[in-house]
Amino acid sequence: MSKPSELFIQGITQDGRTFRPSDWAERLAGAMSCFRPGGTQGGIGAYIGYSPYCVPRVINGVKCVIVNEALKGIEPMAWDFVMNFARDNGLQVVEACYLPEQPSS
């Protein structure tokens, strides 16, 4: 069984411009925050944070949202929402695997 792939929605338009507003990645990931393993939690167990399926990151100085393809199986409408956001705003989308930076020794 292979691990679902990840898509990187980059904050660079198809014509090479930086996408605005500057907090677009946090807003998009925030809208997807309720899609979590096990669903949403309310009450004392609830906390503010991003879904592991849709997280904002800065990679090589470019704001991105990393979208795990597992989101498509969990909630197809949420997947369509993020993909349509990228398409409607002319953002570059690439398939990749995120490797966290290793701490320097």
C-alpha atoms as a PDB file:
ATOM      1  CA  MET A   1       0.000   0.000   0.000  1.00  0.00           C
ATOM      2  CA  SER A   2       1.550   3.291  -1.075  1.00  0.00           C
ATOM      3  CA  LYS A   3       1.386   6.511   0.912  1.00  0.00           C
ATOM      4  CA  PRO A   4      -0.951   9.146  -0.553  1.00  0.00           C
ATOM      5  CA  SER A   5       0.968  11.780  -2.448  1.00  0.00           C
ATOM      6  CA  GLU A   6       1.043  15.461  -1.662  1.00  0.00           C
ATOM      7  CA  LEU A   7       0.320  18.421  -3.883  1.00  0.00           C
ATOM      8  CA  PHE A   8       1.994  21.748  -3.293  1.00  0.00           C
ATOM      9  CA  ILE A   9      -0.109  24.778  -4.139  1.00  0.00           C
ATOM     10  CA  GLN A  10       2.526  27.453  -4.558  1.00  0.00           C
ATOM     11  CA  GLY A  11       1.962  31.156  -3.993  1.00  0.00           C
ATOM     12  CA  ILE A  12       3.249  31.916  -7.473  1.00  0.00           C
ATOM     13  CA  THR A  13       0.857  32.475 -10.354  1.00  0.00           C
ATOM     14  CA  GLN A  14       1.251  30.796 -13.730  1.00  0.00           C
ATOM     15  CA  ASP A  15       2.787  34.023 -15.060  1.00  0.00           C
ATOM     16  CA  GLY A  16       5.366  34.169 -12.223  1.00  0.00           C
ATOM     17  CA  ARG A  17       3.834  36.801  -9.941  1.00  0.00           C
ATOM     18  CA  THR A  18       3.657  36.436  -6.143  1.00  0.00           C
ATOM     19  CA  PHE A  19       0.073  35.711  -5.116  1.00  0.00           C
ATOM     20  CA  ARG A  20      -1.639  38.150  -2.762  1.00  0.00           C
ATOM     21  CA  PRO A  21      -2.854  38.607  -0.064  1.00  0.00           C
ATOM     22  CA  SER A  22       0.248  37.578   1.830  1.00  0.00           C
ATOM     23  CA  ASP A  23      -1.720  35.402   4.269  1.00  0.00           C
ATOM     24  CA  TRP A  24      -3.539  33.388   1.579  1.00  0.00           C
ATOM     25  CA  ALA A  25      -1.907  30.081   2.633  1.00  0.00           C
ATOM     26  CA  GLU A  26      -2.949  30.426   6.257  1.00  0.00           C
ATOM     27  CA  ARG A  27      -6.492  31.374   5.223  1.00  0.00           C
ATOM     28  CA  LEU A  28      -6.858  28.405   2.866  1.00  0.00           C
ATOM     29  CA  ALA A  29      -5.416  25.931   5.376  1.00  0.00           C
ATOM     30  CA  GLY A  30      -7.589  27.458   8.108  1.00  0.00           C
ATOM     31  CA  ALA A  31     -10.706  26.841   6.018  1.00  0.00           C
ATOM     32  CA  MET A  32      -9.711  23.159   5.830  1.00  0.00           C
ATOM     33  CA  SER A  33      -8.821  22.833   9.533  1.00  0.00           C
ATOM     34  CA  CYS A  34     -11.887  20.763  10.421  1.00  0.00           C
ATOM     35  CA  PHE A  35     -10.828  17.871   8.158  1.00  0.00           C
ATOM     36  CA  ARG A  36      -8.780  15.771  10.570  1.00  0.00           C
ATOM     37  CA  PRO A  37      -8.250  12.097  11.269  1.00  0.00           C
ATOM     38  CA  GLY A  38     -11.187  11.048  13.422  1.00  0.00           C
ATOM     39  CA  GLY A  39     -13.225  14.130  12.457  1.00  0.00           C
ATOM     40  CA  THR A  40     -13.712  17.331  14.385  1.00  0.00           C
ATOM     41  CA  GLN A  41     -13.772  17.528  18.144  1.00  0.00           C
ATOM     42  CA  GLY A  42     -15.756  19.900  20.263  1.00  0.00           C
ATOM     43  CA  GLY A  43     -15.618  20.897  23.877  1.00  0.00           C
ATOM     44  CA  ILE A  44     -12.535  20.558  26.026  1.00  0.00           C
ATOM     45  CA  GLY A  45     -10.720  18.398  23.451  1.00  0.00           C
ATOM     46  CA  ALA A  46     -10.997  21.037  20.729  1.00  0.00           C
ATOM     47  CA  TYR A  47      -7.980  23.102  19.786  1.00  0.00           C
ATOM     48  CA  ILE A  48      -6.994  25.587  17.134  1.00  0.00           C
ATOM     49  CA  GLY A  49      -4.691  24.228  14.477  1.00  0.00           C
ATOM     50  CA  TYR A  50      -4.386  23.070  10.898  1.00  0.00           C
ATOM     51  CA  SER A  51      -5.523  19.781   9.463  1.00  0.00           C
ATOM     52  CA  PRO A  52      -2.657  17.379   8.695  1.00  0.00           C
ATOM     53  CA  TYR A  53      -4.212  17.082   5.225  1.00  0.00           C
ATOM     54  CA  CYS A  54      -3.802  20.776   4.356  1.00  0.00           C
ATOM     55  CA  VAL A  55      -0.968  22.757   5.939  1.00  0.00           C
ATOM     56  CA  PRO A  56       0.702  26.066   5.098  1.00  0.00           C
ATOM     57  CA  ARG A  57       4.490  26.132   4.724  1.00  0.00           C
ATOM     58  CA  VAL A  58       7.190  28.404   3.337  1.00  0.00           C
ATOM     59  CA  ILE A  59       9.476  26.423   1.036  1.00  0.00           C
ATOM     60  CA  ASN A  60      12.509  28.112  -0.499  1.00  0.00           C
ATOM     61  CA  GLY A  61      10.968  31.479   0.332  1.00  0.00           C
ATOM     62  CA  VAL A  62       7.646  30.674  -1.393  1.00  0.00           C
ATOM     63  CA  LYS A  63       4.381  30.385   0.545  1.00  0.00           C
ATOM     64  CA  CYS A  64       2.700  27.057  -0.177  1.00  0.00           C
ATOM     65  CA  VAL A  65      -0.136  24.899   1.002  1.00  0.00           C
ATOM     66  CA  ILE A  66       0.674  21.205   1.135  1.00  0.00           C
ATOM     67  CA  VAL A  67      -2.447  19.175   0.408  1.00  0.00           C
ATOM     68  CA  ASN A  68      -2.369  15.462   1.138  1.00  0.00           C
ATOM     69  CA  GLU A  69      -4.226  13.426  -1.470  1.00  0.00           C
ATOM     70  CA  ALA A  70      -5.923  11.504   1.369  1.00  0.00           C
ATOM     71  CA  LEU A  71      -8.253  14.528   1.649  1.00  0.00           C
ATOM     72  CA  LYS A  72      -9.841  13.463  -1.648  1.00  0.00           C
ATOM     73  CA  GLY A  73     -11.007  10.179  -0.087  1.00  0.00           C
ATOM     74  CA  ILE A  74     -12.111  11.764   3.188  1.00  0.00           C
ATOM     75  CA  GLU A  75     -14.084  14.667   1.730  1.00  0.00           C
ATOM     76  CA  PRO A  76     -14.150  15.058  -2.079  1.00  0.00           C
ATOM     77  CA  MET A  77     -15.842  18.474  -1.825  1.00  0.00           C
ATOM     78  CA  ALA A  78     -12.985  19.816   0.334  1.00  0.00           C
ATOM     79  CA  TRP A  79     -10.478  18.459  -2.208  1.00  0.00           C
ATOM     80  CA  ASP A  80     -12.386  20.149  -5.020  1.00  0.00           C
ATOM     81  CA  PHE A  81     -12.460  23.394  -3.038  1.00  0.00           C
ATOM     82  CA  VAL A  82      -8.659  23.609  -2.674  1.00  0.00           C
ATOM     83  CA  MET A  83      -8.015  22.481  -6.255  1.00  0.00           C
ATOM     84  CA  ASN A  84     -10.553  24.987  -7.607  1.00  0.00           C
ATOM     85  CA  PHE A  85      -8.959  27.715  -5.464  1.00  0.00           C
ATOM     86  CA  ALA A  86      -5.604  26.995  -7.094  1.00  0.00           C
ATOM     87  CA  ARG A  87      -7.095  26.852 -10.603  1.00  0.00           C
ATOM     88  CA  ASP A  88      -9.287  29.949 -10.216  1.00  0.00           C
ATOM     89  CA  ASN A  89      -6.311  31.997  -8.972  1.00  0.00           C
ATOM     90  CA  GLY A  90      -3.865  30.638 -11.546  1.00  0.00           C
ATOM     91  CA  LEU A  91      -1.540  29.184  -8.908  1.00  0.00           C
ATOM     92  CA  GLN A  92       1.179  26.678  -9.693  1.00  0.00           C
ATOM     93  CA  VAL A  93       0.492  23.160  -8.382  1.00  0.00           C
ATOM     94  CA  VAL A  94       3.171  20.470  -8.221  1.00  0.00           C
ATOM     95  CA  GLU A  95       3.174  16.917  -6.922  1.00  0.00           C
ATOM     96  CA  ALA A  96       5.956  16.282  -4.436  1.00  0.00           C
ATOM     97  CA  CYS A  97       6.834  14.923  -1.045  1.00  0.00           C
ATOM     98  CA  TYR A  98       7.597  17.326   1.797  1.00  0.00           C
ATOM     99  CA  LEU A  99      10.810  16.605   3.651  1.00  0.00           C
ATOM    100  CA  PRO A 100      11.181  18.663   6.832  1.00  0.00           C
ATOM    101  CA  GLU A 101      14.440  20.530   7.289  1.00  0.00           C
ATOM    102  CA  GLN A 102      17.001  18.646   9.333  1.00  0.00           C
ATOM    103  CA  PRO A 103      18.421  20.537  12.307  1.00  0.00           C
ATOM    104  CA  SER A 104      22.017  21.536  11.759  1.00  0.00           C
ATOM    105  CA  SER A 105      24.494  20.015  14.167  1.00  0.00           C
END
